[in-house]
Amino acid sequence: MFQNYFKTAIRSIVRERYYALIKIAGLALGLGTSLVLFLYVTHQLSYDTMHPDVDRLYRVNQTNIWNPKGGFWGSTGPAVANALITEYPAIESVLRINTPGGQIVRYTKPNRDVVAINEESVLAADSTFFSFFAFELKEGDPRTALEGKNKVVLSDKAAKRLFGDEPALGKLIQIGDKRETVEVTGVTKEQPTNVHFHFDYLLSMPTIAIIKDMEWSWIFTQVVTYVKLKPGTDVATLNKTLKTLPMRYAPATFKRIGIDFDEFIKERGAWEVYLQPMREMRLYSTDTGNRLGPVGDIKYVYVFSIVAAFILLIAVVNFINLSTARGASRAKEVGVKKTLGLHRASLIAQFQVENILVTFVAMLLGLGVMELLRLVIQPLTGLEIPVTLWDNKLFFAIIILLPLVVGFLAGLYPAFYLTSFRPAQVLKGKTISGLRTSNLRNVLVVFQFTISIALMVATMVVFDQLKYFQSASLGFNQESMLIVNNGEKLGNQLQSFRDELATYPGVVEVSASADFRKAFEDIFMREGNDLKLPIAYMKIDEYYMATAQHQLVAGRGFEPNRPSDVNAVILNETAVRLYGWTPEQAIGQHIIYVGDDVGRQEIIGVVKDFHFRSLYETINPFMFFNIKSKMFGDIRTVAIRFNTPDVPSLIAKIEKRWNQIADATPFEYNFLDESLKMRYQEEQRLGSLFSVFTVLSITIAIIGLVGLVAYSAEQRKKEIGVRKVFGASLTSIYVMMNTQYVKLLVVALIIATPLSWWAMQQWLDTFQYRVSISPWLFVWAGAAELILAMVCVGYLALRAASLNPATVLKEE
């Protein structure tokens, strides 16, 4: 029986191959798109699931005590780990990870040649690291690799950069400005992509002197602390008891630095600690600051899952519409088979076999579409869509079950519809498509174009917001600014390097200062009334204001011949306002750093507010210290404002001079404007993805519309012939053929407008600075959809309108 169904299905597909190809093309695009999004979503949900005992692993988060607005941090002080293991028997072990930041790594070869690389991905960890995370070693013993001082584990890529194909184990390298010698005790295999952090250099924690010196501190929040719980631990109960932990242990830290803990808590509110599951770190940490590694966002996982479902639905709608539209052409086949005694159940089974066969063919093509989309989307958006999921059993189950389910469900209504014809009526030629079925097709067409229009509007809104981000005034001039990194590596030669660059043709200004993109933050108190504020800060020289083109609204900048400027600061307008001054009143006032003996700082200037962080955030307090201040933060960059058409030659000249004095420190630079645009990669990625999905949804919808118009033209040949005999013009027939679909597109636009406006307004509301949604976006989206539809179906309508009425009526 099944063999007969299969043969009948193949004959039917071959006989109606034009419409079968339209069905297959639409389904292939829909299935391919949903599969590539399935790969992305599965990859995002798989983060950190491979670690041993993952369900017992947690990160220790705590209240951001320095921010009056509250929120949580993913980091703690070094002392927290010891308190946890001491206080709570339910905690089996703890792990701390520190981020020392970029380091110059040097390796001296046996022939005395030196390999020097500026490495950014440097971490330090306790010896328990490999019992928490599934980083396998191809060299070394994970149990002992991080025990003791001056040990380091390398990634396979870092080992390749330093040593080539030679074994790395036991080799000595130098790290950092002090060129501390460390021994390579391990090399990882290729690290899994779905982990919330990666490293090239993993130092043993005792190697980091500052952590050892701060073992007593709860406020030096420079370690990320993880815990492994004992089996069966009630996490909810443990989290309740953790809330009081800072209140018992932190006062000793505050006493040591001379701050009244009770007063501090009274101003800041509750200081809490809680455990976040390892499985949630990737997708549920967007609001957690000071964390380790980049994060994703669960809302985008939901968004792309919904988009995948809608695009697949658009393809299924095509399938249903074309199947029901072709019902009249297959009515006699159904009537004859019923007359010969074939039961309705057998007919439904026959049609379902045909539907599932079409879907399986579409799935085979869809796999090609999936791989093509994966290769396009990855470089376009930077999203991780690993091909390794081909080895995933779930993935293979999906590509077998999905066409079965889609084919069965998509073909269910058409199968029941086609088998509902009565043999007597059919064989007398009285079969009609039915108003109810026609109305259903119209509803489904409206659904398709509603989704397409909504995606088009969403794409335009995302790119409008991105354009706003990239063109907004930041309060300083980021254009034509070249930033040379690692200026502090030049030591005493930094000033002479700056002075020499200032003489180069095409150079307007040069400053050797810190980098506001990596500003520090600490607590500063207004002298007189003890008002404390968290303020971001950086250290600058007397040339920085002119180089960055900041605007002073009161006072002055730093001057080279004023020794007192060493203990002077420049605040932005927001800091001055929060301290309760006007810009003019602030000049000559003093603020005090509560952390150590930096001393009183005189306010000598107030600078116009500027965006030192991304436009996701409102402008916060900011302060400039003098470059010679004792304040912590001695990282330097050389900022160069240029005005020359031959930028490559200028860079080459700067690099040549750098290499002469930098003692093997690599020359690294970036353009400030390009660097700042990188802050908005998420919006760029989202816009690019929506662009791809919009094109796909429109393509699938147009493919279905072409099929419907072709069938409509075929069914209405006699009507068109009669109209032409009675004098109807080509234009009037063309308009008649398209009017129905224009109406459906207008209905789709009316429905899509409020839905897309609401959805995108919700998205825009997540930004502090945002564009407004222009009504013209909906007009453009509707017009674009209409033009595309008319261009694609216009040929079919014109061909139908051009038929010779004599030929048509003779056939009838």
Foldseek 3Di string as FASTA:
>chain_A
DVVVLLVVLVVVCVVVVVLLVLLLVLLLLLLLLLLLLVLQLVLQLCFPVPWPLLQQKWWKKKWPLFALVIFIALFWALQVQVLPVVPDVQFPHKKKKFQPAWKWKWAQDPVRDIAIDTFGFEMEMALCVVNGGPFAWPFADSNPQQPDAQGKEFEPVLCCSHPNPDDQAQGWMFIHLVRDIHGYHTYTYHDDPRYQADGGIYHRVVHDVVSVVRNLAGPPGRIIMMTGGDPPDDQVVVQVVQQCSCVPRHCVRCVVLVHHPVVSCVSRPGMGMHIGRSSCCAAPCPRHHNHHHHHHHVVVSVVSSVLSVLSSLLSLLLLLLLLLLCLLVCLQVLLVCVVVPDDLVVQLVSQLSSLLVSLLSSLVSSNVSNVVVVVVLCVQQVRDSDPVCVVPPVSVVCSVVVSNVSSCVSCVVSSVSSNVDHNVCSVVVNDDSDPVSVVVSLVSLLSLLLSLLLLLLLLVQLVVFLVCQLPPAFQWDQPQKKKWFQLCLLPPCSVVLLVVLCPDPFFDFKWKWFALLPWDWAWKAFPPPRDIHIATEIETAQGVCVLRVWAWPDFDGDDDPDPLLQQAKEKEQQVQVVNPHHQHRQAQTWMGGSRDPLDIYGYGTYTYFGPSDGQQDDGDIYMYHHQNGPDDDNGIMMMTRGGDPPVVVSVVVSQVVCVVRSVNHHIDMDRRSVVNSVVCSVSSSVSVVSVVSSVSSLVSSLSSLLSVLLSVLVVCLLVLLVVVVVPDDLVVQLCVSCVSVLVSLVSSLVVSVVVSQVVVVVVQVSGPDRDHRDPVSSVVSSVVSVVVNCVSNVVSSSVSNPDNSVVSVVVD
